[in-house]
Structure formats: C-alpha cells, structure tokens
Amino acid sequence: MKRAVVIGAGFGGLALAIRLQSAGVDTVLVEARDKPGGRAYYWEKDGFTFDAGPTVITAPEALEELWALSGHRMAEDVTLAPVNPFYRLNWIDGTNFDYSNDDTALAAEIAKLDPNDIAGYRRFLDYSAGVYREGYEKLGHVPFLDFGSMVKAAPDLARYQAWRSVYSMVSSFVKNEKLRQALSFHTLLVGGNPMTTSAIYALIHKLERDGGVWCAMGGTNRLVAGMVRLFERLGGVLRLGDPVAEIETLGERATAVVTQSGERFETDAVASNADLIHSYRDLLKTSRSAQRTAARLQKKRFSPSLFLVHFGIKGTWPGIPHHMILFGPRYKGLLEDIYDHGVLSQDFSLYLHHPTVTDPSLAPEGHSTFYALAPVPHLGKFPVDWNEIAPVLEKRILDEVGRRLIPDIHERIVCRFSYAPSDFRDDLHAHLGSAFSLEPILTQSAYFRAHNRDGSIPNLYFVGAGTHPGAGIPGVIGSAKATAALMLEQP
C-alpha cells in the first residue's frame, strides 16, 4: 500500500493517519469542518477558549506511542498537566467525594461514606485490574473480524462475568449507594448506561488509577493541534473544510475519495473516521453491500446524545475543581429515562468542566471558562425541535450550577452558548445525534461492533467510536492501532 485516504480528523482519524504516515504510506486526511478534532472541536469567543470535548485525557502512554513511532516525544508538541482530584462527585445533600488514585486520600473519602466499604473497594480494585488485563491490554488493540476471535476471548470474559452490568458488579463489592454511583458512572463518559453496560468496562477504574487523569494545557484542542503538527511533519496532507461526497468503488474495491469541491483522491485504501451510518449510507451510496450494512447497523442501539452549556463568567473559582459530577436526585430512574424511555426529565445529572482552575490562559484575566454537560436522549427517542427546547434547558442547567456552586451565576456570565443533539447531527453527521455512536452493551462489543475492516470491500476500513474497542480517547486511539495493523499487513 502506497497511498491511503482517511476521512475525518477526529482523534481516531488523526491517530490512524499518523500511524500510516509513520510507516511510509502517503496519507491524505480529509476533514469536513474548518478545524480538525471532530468531537474535540473548539471555539474562541470574547477571549474565552471553549473545548467541545472530550476533556478527560487518560492513558497518555497510548498517545505518546504515536510520537515514538518516528522517534519523537509528545512533549515536543503538547504539554499535559495532571488533574487532581480526578473528579469531585457532589450529591444534592451536599456530600462531596474526591476521586483520585491516592490510596490514603481515597480510603478517607470512602470512610466518609461508609468505612465498611473500604475492604469491598479493594476487592473491586482487584477485579478492575483483572478486566483491565483481559479487556484492555490483551484485546483493546485487536480487531475482531470473525466470530472465532470472539469465541476465543469468551472464556476469559466469562470468568469476569462480562454479562453483568458495571453497576451490578460494583454493587457486589460495596454497599453504600453513593459509592456505587462513584464507581460506576465512568461508563457514561463513553456513552454507556452503568445499569446495562458490560462489567468489562470496570477496567476504566484501573486505567485511571495507573495512568492518571490529565488535561492538555491550552485545552484539548492543543492536543489535536500537536497531533496535526506531527502528522504534517511526517509528510502527511490535511485537507480542511471540504466534506467528502463519495467513496468511489469498482467491484469489490474502494478506488477513490471525492470531496464536495470536486477534488478526487485516488487511493489504495480508504479508512473512515466519520459516523458509521453516514459512511455506509451516504458516502457509499453506490455500493449495494454498503447499503445492506447500513440497514443492519441502523437496527442497533445507539448511545444517547448530550446537551452542553458553555459559559464564560467573571471571577475565578479555585474551590471548584477541574472536573465535577453533580448527581441529581435519581440515578437508575434518570438513566432509564435517557436510555429507555426517551424522556427529557425535570431532574438531571451534570458533568461540570472548569479548565481555568488548571490553565487560566483559557479565559481573560479575572474570568473563568466552564461547560456543563447533561446526557439526554438521542433524536430517535426524543425527536423534538431543539431550537425551542435549548433555551429552557440551558437556563435550568445554569440555575442548578448556581444553586449548588455559584449563587450569582447569571449576573457573572459574559458569554454563553449551547450545543444540542441537533448540532451533533448537523455538524458531525452523527446518526440520531448520538454523541458516542453504538451503545457499548455486551451484544454490541468487540465482534458485534462495526468491524475495523469491511467484510465485502477489503480495502475499506473504519476507525473511531463505532468500531472496537469503542468511544473515549483511549478507545479510539486503540481502534487506530488495530486498524493500522490491518491496513499495513494488506498486500
């Protein structure tokens, strides 16, 4: 393979393009939007820098590996800073729980909830380490192209009761309800319902404990920019602001990628980091096999969407940590409303991002940058006009942040804007406005996700949240490693 085209400059597409270019494959990376990053887009408004997300960086060694491929170090292009605590969890009764990998401090936090759960937490940690070995170290970078590969992995996954949910498994180790929420909410960061997502995803706890939680100075967008610099230094070509119109095929081969401007890139292989349904249904509209795959994928369960309120305010807030989870009055019931019933509830839980507590450069002097994120049903379950709903929900979310943390928040706001499920659909071609592609349940994991290589078009590949191992920065970086290995072995 001498030439490749990668569609979509999200983390997965960038990581794959870097791997291909590092291996000597002339790679063109085509991005529809005016900036790279995909879901890690950013805006600059009134002196504030707002990251679209993701904003929790874990497994930095997986990123470092991308630079090491060409004998470089990530520090040449990106500065990562540790975040501590990883998260502060807050409940409506005022309880705070600072979540970190400091064993002494964490034991003290658990003891505040229930000292009897300290021993149970340690057993959970052993369990998490086991599923980390099996689910991440062994399988996180391996493509599942046939059912036999799933069968081989099944005994080890069964040994860790993969059929159980994360919440169910956590509950077998600890009894305090707040601690159960603290140890199970992580699946929401990759689009999964803690009540139904496979217990294998408990590996996230071990991933964070070992590698820490980090942020990029200047924002997640600086990590994206660093990856772009690496790719272009290696000789790669990035094409921005020119959406792909079609992946041309001839027989059982992808032959070229055509953009809306009319640019045509002939290629030996195509890899898509774009939305799965958009890739198969729209970009491969002349391929009958692709249309069959699109119809099959559309029957699967997709993760919910998100509603984000970005706001810049007067004042600095050293008492509000970088990451907070503001739990609402319900946990299981709220999750059922979002994932099952398609209801926009009166109550909600929020993820609050406050990057200026770590990096004040993201706001004008004496000001702070925030976003508040609420999981909401995707457009397939809640098909409404978000132009009407967004202002109402935006105010409710800001009222809640004000009630719990910043009493005069409305008087302090300098600029604000929101990002809704319809924006995920329109800006990212995300099917149903889903923020994380396929929901990570057991029957949609590994072999049962979209394959890293298409089964009918052998030089067509996929990377990103919809493929194995799934969403989140470590997940899509892992998918790039798996996809690159397939592409580089192709004759």
Protein backbone atom coordinates (compact mmCIF):
# COMPACT_ATOMS: atom_id res chain seq x y z
CA MET A 1 0.00 0.00 0.00
CA LYS A 2 1.46 3.32 -1.09
CA ARG A 3 -1.48 5.71 -0.74
CA ALA A 4 -4.32 6.00 1.75
CA VAL A 5 -7.13 8.42 2.45
CA VAL A 6 -8.52 8.84 5.95
CA ILE A 7 -11.91 10.55 6.26
CA GLY A 8 -12.43 12.61 9.42
CA ALA A 9 -9.79 14.28 11.60
CA GLY A 10 -11.12 13.26 14.99
CA PHE A 11 -8.78 11.56 17.44
CA GLY A 12 -9.24 8.20 15.75
CA GLY A 13 -8.63 9.54 12.25
CA LEU A 14 -5.60 11.56 13.35
CA ALA A 15 -4.06 8.62 15.20
CA LEU A 16 -4.58 6.32 12.22
CA ALA A 17 -3.17 8.86 9.77
CA ILE A 18 -0.09 9.30 11.97
CA ARG A 19 0.47 5.55 12.10
CA LEU A 20 0.13 5.17 8.33
CA GLN A 21 2.36 8.12 7.54
CA SER A 22 4.95 6.92 10.08
CA ALA A 23 5.01 3.60 8.20
CA GLY A 24 5.74 5.33 4.89
CA VAL A 25 2.22 5.36 3.45
CA ASP A 26 1.38 8.66 1.71
CA THR A 27 -1.75 9.66 3.61
CA VAL A 28 -4.32 12.35 2.96
CA LEU A 29 -6.60 13.24 5.87
CA VAL A 30 -9.85 14.89 4.74
CA GLU A 31 -11.93 16.83 7.27
CA ALA A 32 -15.32 18.42 6.58
CA ARG A 33 -15.09 21.17 9.21
CA ASP A 34 -12.86 24.22 9.29
CA LYS A 35 -10.81 22.79 12.17
CA PRO A 36 -9.54 19.30 12.98
CA GLY A 37 -10.67 17.42 16.08
CA GLY A 38 -14.11 16.02 15.31
CA ARG A 39 -15.83 15.90 18.67
CA ALA A 40 -12.73 17.63 20.06
CA TYR A 41 -13.59 20.84 18.21
CA TYR A 42 -13.21 24.22 19.92
CA TRP A 43 -14.47 27.78 19.79
CA GLU A 44 -12.87 31.10 20.69
CA LYS A 45 -15.34 33.74 21.83
CA ASP A 46 -14.82 37.04 23.66
CA GLY A 47 -11.36 35.97 24.81
CA PHE A 48 -12.54 32.59 26.13
CA THR A 49 -11.49 29.21 24.70
CA PHE A 50 -14.20 26.57 24.83
CA ASP A 51 -13.38 22.91 24.15
CA ALA A 52 -16.27 20.93 22.72
CA GLY A 53 -14.92 17.81 24.42
CA PRO A 54 -13.63 15.26 25.20
CA THR A 55 -11.88 16.88 28.15
CA VAL A 56 -10.80 13.88 30.25
CA ILE A 57 -7.46 12.56 28.96
CA THR A 58 -6.39 9.12 30.20
CA ALA A 59 -3.83 6.53 29.06
CA PRO A 60 -1.25 9.15 27.98
CA GLU A 61 1.14 6.35 27.06
CA ALA A 62 -1.17 5.42 24.16
CA LEU A 63 -0.80 8.96 22.83
CA GLU A 64 2.95 9.03 23.49
CA GLU A 65 3.28 5.92 21.33
CA LEU A 66 2.17 7.92 18.28
CA TRP A 67 5.19 10.21 18.56
CA ALA A 68 7.54 7.34 19.41
CA LEU A 69 6.77 5.72 16.04
CA SER A 70 9.02 8.32 14.42
CA GLY A 71 11.48 8.75 17.27
CA HIS A 72 9.85 11.83 18.79
CA ARG A 73 8.27 12.72 22.13
CA MET A 74 4.80 14.11 22.70
CA ALA A 75 6.28 16.84 24.92
CA GLU A 76 7.73 18.43 21.75
CA ASP A 77 4.19 19.40 20.71
CA VAL A 78 1.87 19.03 23.71
CA THR A 79 2.04 19.82 27.41
CA LEU A 80 -0.11 17.57 29.60
CA ALA A 81 -0.84 18.51 33.19
CA PRO A 82 -2.14 16.14 35.88
CA VAL A 83 -5.63 16.75 37.23
CA ASN A 84 -6.17 16.07 40.92
CA PRO A 85 -8.65 15.11 42.16
CA PHE A 86 -9.66 13.27 39.03
CA TYR A 87 -13.26 14.27 39.74
CA ARG A 88 -15.18 15.74 42.64
CA LEU A 89 -18.53 14.00 42.93
CA ASN A 90 -21.29 16.03 44.53
CA TRP A 91 -24.79 14.95 45.60
CA ILE A 92 -27.78 17.18 46.25
CA ASP A 93 -27.49 16.68 50.02
CA GLY A 94 -24.12 18.45 49.90
CA THR A 95 -21.92 15.34 50.12
CA ASN A 96 -18.61 15.65 48.25
CA PHE A 97 -16.36 12.75 47.23
CA ASP A 98 -12.91 13.50 45.80
CA TYR A 99 -11.94 10.68 43.47
CA SER A 100 -8.22 10.09 42.89
CA ASN A 101 -5.53 7.38 42.84
CA ASP A 102 -4.04 8.45 46.17
CA ASP A 103 -4.81 5.35 48.26
CA THR A 104 -4.72 7.14 51.62
CA ALA A 105 -6.89 10.04 50.47
CA LEU A 106 -9.31 7.73 48.65
CA ALA A 107 -9.69 5.46 51.69
CA ALA A 108 -10.56 8.54 53.73
CA GLU A 109 -13.18 9.57 51.16
CA ILE A 110 -14.71 6.08 51.21
CA ALA A 111 -14.70 6.08 55.02
CA LYS A 112 -16.75 9.29 54.97
CA LEU A 113 -19.46 7.36 53.12
CA ASP A 114 -19.11 4.00 54.87
CA PRO A 115 -15.87 2.66 56.43
CA ASN A 116 -17.19 -0.88 55.98
CA ASP A 117 -16.83 -0.46 52.22
CA ILE A 118 -13.05 0.07 52.24
CA ALA A 119 -12.38 -3.67 52.10
CA GLY A 120 -15.00 -4.10 49.37
CA TYR A 121 -13.41 -1.33 47.34
CA ARG A 122 -10.07 -3.13 47.48
CA ARG A 123 -11.70 -6.27 46.15
CA PHE A 124 -13.30 -4.22 43.39
CA LEU A 125 -9.88 -2.81 42.55
CA ASP A 126 -8.54 -6.35 42.13
CA TYR A 127 -11.47 -7.14 39.85
CA SER A 128 -10.88 -3.96 37.83
CA ALA A 129 -7.21 -4.90 37.40
CA GLY A 130 -8.25 -8.30 36.05
CA VAL A 131 -10.67 -6.95 33.45
CA TYR A 132 -8.09 -4.30 32.53
CA ARG A 133 -5.62 -7.06 31.66
CA GLU A 134 -8.16 -9.05 29.66
CA GLY A 135 -10.25 -6.28 28.13
CA TYR A 136 -7.71 -3.53 27.51
CA GLU A 137 -4.15 -4.87 27.48
CA LYS A 138 -4.99 -8.09 25.60
CA LEU A 139 -8.00 -7.12 23.49
CA GLY A 140 -8.09 -3.32 23.32
CA HIS A 141 -5.97 -3.12 20.16
CA VAL A 142 -7.04 -6.36 18.48
CA PRO A 143 -9.53 -6.30 15.58
CA PHE A 144 -12.44 -8.75 15.88
CA LEU A 145 -13.09 -9.61 12.23
CA ASP A 146 -14.69 -13.02 12.66
CA PHE A 147 -16.83 -14.77 15.24
CA GLY A 148 -14.00 -17.20 16.01
CA SER A 149 -11.97 -14.37 17.54
CA MET A 150 -14.90 -13.65 19.85
CA VAL A 151 -15.18 -17.31 20.80
CA LYS A 152 -11.50 -17.38 21.76
CA ALA A 153 -11.94 -14.35 24.03
CA ALA A 154 -15.19 -15.62 25.57
CA PRO A 155 -13.76 -17.83 28.38
CA ASP A 156 -11.69 -15.02 29.87
CA LEU A 157 -14.57 -12.56 29.54
CA ALA A 158 -16.92 -15.07 31.13
CA ARG A 159 -14.51 -15.55 34.02
CA TYR A 160 -15.04 -11.88 34.83
CA GLN A 161 -18.82 -12.14 34.41
CA ALA A 162 -18.93 -9.87 31.39
CA TRP A 163 -22.66 -10.47 31.06
CA ARG A 164 -23.29 -8.49 34.25
CA SER A 165 -23.54 -4.70 34.24
CA VAL A 166 -20.92 -2.41 35.72
CA TYR A 167 -23.37 -1.23 38.37
CA SER A 168 -24.31 -4.82 39.28
CA MET A 169 -20.67 -5.82 39.62
CA VAL A 170 -19.78 -2.75 41.68
CA SER A 171 -22.76 -3.46 43.92
CA SER A 172 -21.42 -6.93 44.67
CA PHE A 173 -18.35 -5.32 46.25
CA VAL A 174 -19.68 -2.20 48.02
CA LYS A 175 -23.00 -1.44 49.71
CA ASN A 176 -23.14 2.35 50.00
CA GLU A 177 -25.31 3.74 47.19
CA LYS A 178 -23.21 6.88 46.71
CA LEU A 179 -20.06 4.77 46.42
CA ARG A 180 -21.81 2.51 43.91
CA GLN A 181 -22.52 5.57 41.81
CA ALA A 182 -18.94 6.83 42.25
CA LEU A 183 -17.52 3.55 40.94
CA SER A 184 -19.96 3.05 38.06
CA PHE A 185 -20.59 6.47 36.48
CA HIS A 186 -17.50 6.22 34.23
CA THR A 187 -19.37 4.32 31.52
CA LEU A 188 -21.37 7.48 30.88
CA LEU A 189 -18.14 9.07 29.62
CA VAL A 190 -18.13 6.57 26.74
CA GLY A 191 -21.88 6.58 26.13
CA GLY A 192 -22.80 3.57 28.25
CA ASN A 193 -25.56 3.11 30.82
CA PRO A 194 -23.96 1.83 34.06
CA MET A 195 -27.04 -0.36 34.53
CA THR A 196 -26.59 -2.22 31.23
CA THR A 197 -23.00 -1.72 30.06
CA SER A 198 -20.85 -4.84 30.37
CA ALA A 199 -18.88 -5.18 33.60
CA ILE A 200 -15.74 -5.34 31.45
CA TYR A 201 -15.91 -1.54 31.36
CA ALA A 202 -14.94 -1.53 35.02
CA LEU A 203 -11.44 -1.56 33.51
CA ILE A 204 -11.75 2.26 33.26
CA HIS A 205 -11.12 2.45 37.00
CA LYS A 206 -7.79 0.65 36.65
CA LEU A 207 -6.93 2.70 33.56
CA GLU A 208 -7.31 5.91 35.53
CA ARG A 209 -5.53 4.64 38.63
CA ASP A 210 -2.45 3.58 36.68
CA GLY A 211 -2.19 6.37 34.15
CA GLY A 212 -3.88 9.23 35.97
CA VAL A 213 -6.24 11.85 34.57
CA TRP A 214 -4.71 14.67 32.55
CA CYS A 215 -5.58 17.81 30.65
CA ALA A 216 -3.78 19.50 27.78
CA MET A 217 -2.53 22.99 28.56
CA GLY A 218 -4.33 25.34 26.22
CA GLY A 219 -7.25 22.90 26.04
CA THR A 220 -7.87 19.55 24.40
CA ASN A 221 -7.63 21.41 21.11
CA ARG A 222 -3.86 21.78 21.74
CA LEU A 223 -3.54 18.00 21.83
CA VAL A 224 -5.34 17.88 18.49
CA ALA A 225 -3.04 20.61 17.12
CA GLY A 226 0.01 18.68 18.32
CA MET A 227 -1.17 15.54 16.52
CA VAL A 228 -1.70 17.59 13.36
CA ARG A 229 1.84 19.01 13.61
CA LEU A 230 3.25 15.51 14.00
CA PHE A 231 1.27 14.23 11.00
CA GLU A 232 2.30 17.11 8.75
CA ARG A 233 5.95 16.93 9.87
CA LEU A 234 5.94 13.34 8.69
CA GLY A 235 4.73 14.48 5.27
CA GLY A 236 1.00 13.88 5.68
CA VAL A 237 -1.55 16.14 3.98
CA LEU A 238 -4.53 17.56 5.89
CA ARG A 239 -7.44 18.90 3.85
CA LEU A 240 -9.86 21.04 5.91
CA GLY A 241 -13.28 22.46 5.13
CA ASP A 242 -14.04 20.09 2.26
CA PRO A 243 -16.58 17.39 3.15
CA VAL A 244 -16.33 14.03 1.44
CA ALA A 245 -19.16 13.50 -1.04
CA GLU A 246 -18.47 9.93 -2.09
CA ILE A 247 -16.23 6.93 -1.66
CA GLU A 248 -15.96 5.52 -5.19
CA THR A 249 -15.90 1.76 -5.60
CA LEU A 250 -15.22 -0.55 -8.50
CA GLY A 251 -16.28 -4.12 -7.97
CA GLU A 252 -15.08 -5.07 -4.52
CA ARG A 253 -12.53 -2.27 -4.15
CA ALA A 254 -12.65 1.31 -2.93
CA THR A 255 -10.83 3.30 -5.59
CA ALA A 256 -11.10 6.99 -4.74
CA VAL A 257 -12.50 9.60 -2.40
CA VAL A 258 -14.31 12.58 -3.92
CA THR A 259 -14.96 15.78 -1.97
CA GLN A 260 -17.76 18.30 -2.38
CA SER A 261 -15.34 20.75 -4.02
CA GLY A 262 -14.70 18.15 -6.73
CA GLU A 263 -11.26 17.06 -5.54
CA ARG A 264 -10.67 13.38 -6.30
CA PHE A 265 -8.09 11.35 -4.40
CA GLU A 266 -7.25 8.01 -5.98
CA THR A 267 -6.09 5.60 -3.31
CA ASP A 268 -5.06 2.08 -2.43
CA ALA A 269 -7.17 2.11 0.75
CA VAL A 270 -9.83 4.21 2.46
CA ALA A 271 -10.42 4.48 6.20
CA SER A 272 -13.39 6.34 7.64
CA ASN A 273 -13.46 8.08 11.00
CA ALA A 274 -16.79 9.59 10.04
CA ASP A 275 -20.07 8.44 11.55
CA LEU A 276 -20.79 4.80 10.70
CA ILE A 277 -24.25 5.30 9.21
CA HIS A 278 -23.16 8.38 7.28
CA SER A 279 -20.17 6.47 5.90
CA TYR A 280 -22.14 3.45 4.73
CA ARG A 281 -25.45 5.04 3.76
CA ASP A 282 -24.31 8.36 2.28
CA LEU A 283 -20.66 8.11 1.23
CA LEU A 284 -21.02 4.59 -0.21
CA LYS A 285 -24.42 5.12 -1.78
CA THR A 286 -23.46 3.28 -5.00
CA SER A 287 -22.34 0.13 -3.16
CA ARG A 288 -25.06 -2.48 -2.61
CA SER A 289 -23.11 -4.27 0.11
CA ALA A 290 -22.62 -0.95 1.94
CA GLN A 291 -26.36 -0.25 1.80
CA ARG A 292 -27.06 -3.65 3.32
CA THR A 293 -24.56 -2.94 6.09
CA ALA A 294 -26.13 0.48 6.71
CA ALA A 295 -29.58 -1.09 7.07
CA ARG A 296 -28.20 -3.65 9.53
CA LEU A 297 -26.35 -1.04 11.60
CA GLN A 298 -29.40 1.21 11.81
CA LYS A 299 -31.19 -1.52 13.75
CA LYS A 300 -28.61 -1.42 16.54
CA ARG A 301 -28.84 0.58 19.74
CA PHE A 302 -27.13 3.94 19.68
CA SER A 303 -25.78 5.87 22.65
CA PRO A 304 -27.66 8.91 23.86
CA SER A 305 -26.78 12.45 22.95
CA LEU A 306 -25.58 15.35 25.07
CA PHE A 307 -26.66 18.88 25.81
CA LEU A 308 -23.81 21.22 26.70
CA VAL A 309 -23.90 24.77 28.02
CA HIS A 310 -20.63 26.63 27.51
CA PHE A 311 -20.23 29.79 29.56
CA GLY A 312 -17.56 32.32 30.42
CA ILE A 313 -18.02 34.22 33.67
CA LYS A 314 -16.48 37.00 35.72
CA GLY A 315 -14.40 35.80 38.68
CA THR A 316 -12.13 32.88 39.44
CA TRP A 317 -13.17 29.78 41.36
CA PRO A 318 -10.22 27.96 42.99
CA GLY A 319 -12.67 25.94 45.09
CA ILE A 320 -14.28 24.32 42.03
CA PRO A 321 -12.01 21.55 40.69
CA HIS A 322 -11.27 20.83 37.04
CA HIS A 323 -13.87 18.03 36.77
CA MET A 324 -17.08 17.70 38.79
CA ILE A 325 -20.04 15.36 38.64
CA LEU A 326 -23.21 16.90 40.06
CA PHE A 327 -25.53 13.97 40.70
CA GLY A 328 -29.24 14.60 40.63
CA PRO A 329 -31.84 13.12 43.00
CA ARG A 330 -32.18 9.92 40.91
CA TYR A 331 -29.62 7.57 39.40
CA LYS A 332 -31.24 4.45 37.97
CA GLY A 333 -34.55 6.19 37.17
CA LEU A 334 -32.82 9.03 35.34
CA LEU A 335 -30.76 6.56 33.30
CA GLU A 336 -33.92 4.69 32.33
CA ASP A 337 -35.50 7.95 31.18
CA ILE A 338 -32.49 8.74 28.97
CA TYR A 339 -31.68 5.29 27.59
CA ASP A 340 -35.03 3.50 27.56
CA HIS A 341 -37.98 5.89 27.71
CA GLY A 342 -36.61 8.81 25.69
CA VAL A 343 -37.79 11.30 28.28
CA LEU A 344 -36.21 14.69 28.99
CA SER A 345 -36.62 14.61 32.75
CA GLN A 346 -37.14 17.55 35.05
CA ASP A 347 -34.10 16.42 37.02
CA PHE A 348 -30.65 15.75 35.59
CA SER A 349 -27.07 14.94 36.48
CA LEU A 350 -24.29 17.17 35.18
CA TYR A 351 -20.63 16.90 34.30
CA LEU A 352 -19.04 20.29 35.01
CA HIS A 353 -15.79 21.18 33.27
CA HIS A 354 -13.74 24.04 34.76
CA PRO A 355 -10.41 24.14 32.89
CA THR A 356 -9.30 27.58 34.02
CA VAL A 357 -8.64 26.29 37.54
CA THR A 358 -5.70 24.47 35.92
CA ASP A 359 -4.97 26.76 32.97
CA PRO A 360 -6.06 30.40 33.43
CA SER A 361 -4.98 31.22 29.85
CA LEU A 362 -8.31 29.82 28.61
CA ALA A 363 -10.16 32.96 29.79
CA PRO A 364 -9.45 36.68 30.06
CA GLU A 365 -7.72 37.73 33.28
CA GLY A 366 -10.07 37.53 36.24
CA HIS A 367 -12.54 35.31 34.36
CA SER A 368 -13.29 31.59 34.09
CA THR A 369 -14.31 29.13 31.39
CA PHE A 370 -16.86 26.37 32.10
CA TYR A 371 -19.15 23.93 30.42
CA ALA A 372 -21.97 21.93 31.96
CA LEU A 373 -22.97 18.72 30.19
CA ALA A 374 -26.16 16.73 30.61
CA PRO A 375 -26.79 13.35 28.92
CA VAL A 376 -30.10 13.47 27.01
CA PRO A 377 -31.98 11.01 24.76
CA HIS A 378 -30.89 10.85 21.14
CA LEU A 379 -33.13 12.12 18.37
CA GLY A 380 -34.52 8.68 17.63
CA LYS A 381 -36.07 8.52 21.11
CA PHE A 382 -36.78 12.23 21.58
CA PRO A 383 -37.45 13.81 18.14
CA VAL A 384 -38.10 17.44 19.06
CA ASP A 385 -37.13 20.90 17.85
CA TRP A 386 -34.07 21.65 19.95
CA ASN A 387 -34.18 25.30 18.90
CA GLU A 388 -37.26 25.60 21.12
CA ILE A 389 -36.06 23.42 23.99
CA ALA A 390 -32.43 24.56 24.21
CA PRO A 391 -33.02 27.98 25.85
CA VAL A 392 -35.26 26.42 28.51
CA LEU A 393 -32.85 23.60 29.35
CA GLU A 394 -29.88 25.98 29.24
CA LYS A 395 -31.46 28.17 31.94
CA ARG A 396 -32.39 25.16 34.08
CA ILE A 397 -28.83 23.86 33.95
CA LEU A 398 -27.31 27.24 34.81
CA ASP A 399 -29.84 27.63 37.64
CA GLU A 400 -28.70 24.30 39.07
CA VAL A 401 -24.99 25.22 38.85
CA GLY A 402 -25.88 28.48 40.53
CA ARG A 403 -27.86 26.78 43.29
CA ARG A 404 -25.07 24.34 44.08
CA LEU A 405 -21.88 26.28 43.35
CA ILE A 406 -22.10 29.88 42.02
CA PRO A 407 -25.10 31.71 43.52
CA ASP A 408 -24.93 34.81 41.28
CA ILE A 409 -24.02 32.94 38.12
CA HIS A 410 -26.46 34.78 35.84
CA GLU A 411 -25.05 38.19 36.79
CA ARG A 412 -21.50 36.96 36.16
CA ILE A 413 -21.98 35.47 32.70
CA VAL A 414 -20.04 37.26 29.96
CA CYS A 415 -20.82 34.87 27.11
CA ARG A 416 -22.64 31.60 26.74
CA PHE A 417 -23.94 29.23 24.10
CA SER A 418 -25.26 25.69 24.00
CA TYR A 419 -24.69 22.59 21.86
CA ALA A 420 -27.60 20.21 21.35
CA PRO A 421 -28.30 16.78 19.79
CA SER A 422 -29.30 18.53 16.56
CA ASP A 423 -25.82 20.05 16.41
CA PHE A 424 -24.21 16.61 16.73
CA ARG A 425 -26.40 15.56 13.80
CA ASP A 426 -25.76 18.62 11.64
CA ASP A 427 -22.09 19.30 12.37
CA LEU A 428 -20.83 15.72 12.67
CA HIS A 429 -23.41 13.74 10.65
CA ALA A 430 -23.93 11.77 13.86
CA HIS A 431 -26.73 9.24 13.39
CA LEU A 432 -29.70 10.28 15.58
CA GLY A 433 -27.46 12.96 17.10
CA SER A 434 -25.73 10.26 19.15
CA ALA A 435 -22.64 11.57 20.92
CA PHE A 436 -20.83 8.21 21.17
CA SER A 437 -22.05 6.05 18.23
CA LEU A 438 -23.12 2.48 19.14
CA GLU A 439 -24.14 1.91 22.74
CA PRO A 440 -21.46 -0.21 24.47
CA ILE A 441 -23.57 -3.13 25.61
CA LEU A 442 -22.13 -6.67 25.51
CA THR A 443 -24.03 -7.62 22.34
CA GLN A 444 -22.55 -4.57 20.59
CA SER A 445 -18.96 -5.04 21.73
CA ALA A 446 -15.86 -6.47 20.02
CA TYR A 447 -17.02 -8.63 17.05
CA PHE A 448 -20.55 -7.20 17.39
CA ARG A 449 -19.42 -3.61 16.74
CA ALA A 450 -18.64 -2.33 13.26
CA HIS A 451 -15.54 -4.15 12.06
CA ASN A 452 -12.26 -2.33 11.58
CA ARG A 453 -12.19 -3.76 8.03
CA ASP A 454 -15.32 -4.10 5.94
CA GLY A 455 -16.33 -7.66 5.17
CA SER A 456 -17.22 -7.05 1.50
CA ILE A 457 -14.83 -4.27 0.45
CA PRO A 458 -11.42 -5.47 1.66
CA ASN A 459 -9.58 -2.15 1.30
CA LEU A 460 -12.25 -0.20 3.22
CA TYR A 461 -11.54 0.35 6.90
CA PHE A 462 -13.13 2.02 9.90
CA VAL A 463 -11.73 3.74 12.96
CA GLY A 464 -13.26 5.58 15.89
CA ALA A 465 -16.06 5.22 18.42
CA GLY A 466 -18.24 2.86 16.35
CA THR A 467 -15.50 0.25 15.96
CA HIS A 468 -13.77 -1.93 18.55
CA PRO A 469 -12.97 -1.10 21.33
CA GLY A 470 -15.33 1.92 21.46
CA ALA A 471 -15.60 5.58 22.46
CA GLY A 472 -13.34 7.72 24.60
CA ILE A 473 -9.79 8.83 23.79
CA PRO A 474 -8.12 5.52 24.78
CA GLY A 475 -10.80 3.62 22.85
CA VAL A 476 -10.45 5.48 19.56
CA ILE A 477 -6.65 5.57 19.84
CA GLY A 478 -6.81 1.79 20.34
CA SER A 479 -9.07 1.41 17.31
CA ALA A 480 -6.49 3.30 15.24
CA LYS A 481 -3.80 0.86 16.32
CA ALA A 482 -5.95 -2.12 15.39
CA THR A 483 -6.98 -0.62 12.03
CA ALA A 484 -3.44 0.44 11.14
CA ALA A 485 -2.19 -3.10 11.74
CA LEU A 486 -4.77 -4.43 9.29
CA MET A 487 -4.01 -1.81 6.67
CA LEU A 488 -0.25 -2.26 6.86
CA GLU A 489 -0.45 -6.04 6.51
CA GLN A 490 -2.63 -5.78 3.39
CA PRO A 491 -0.77 -6.93 0.24
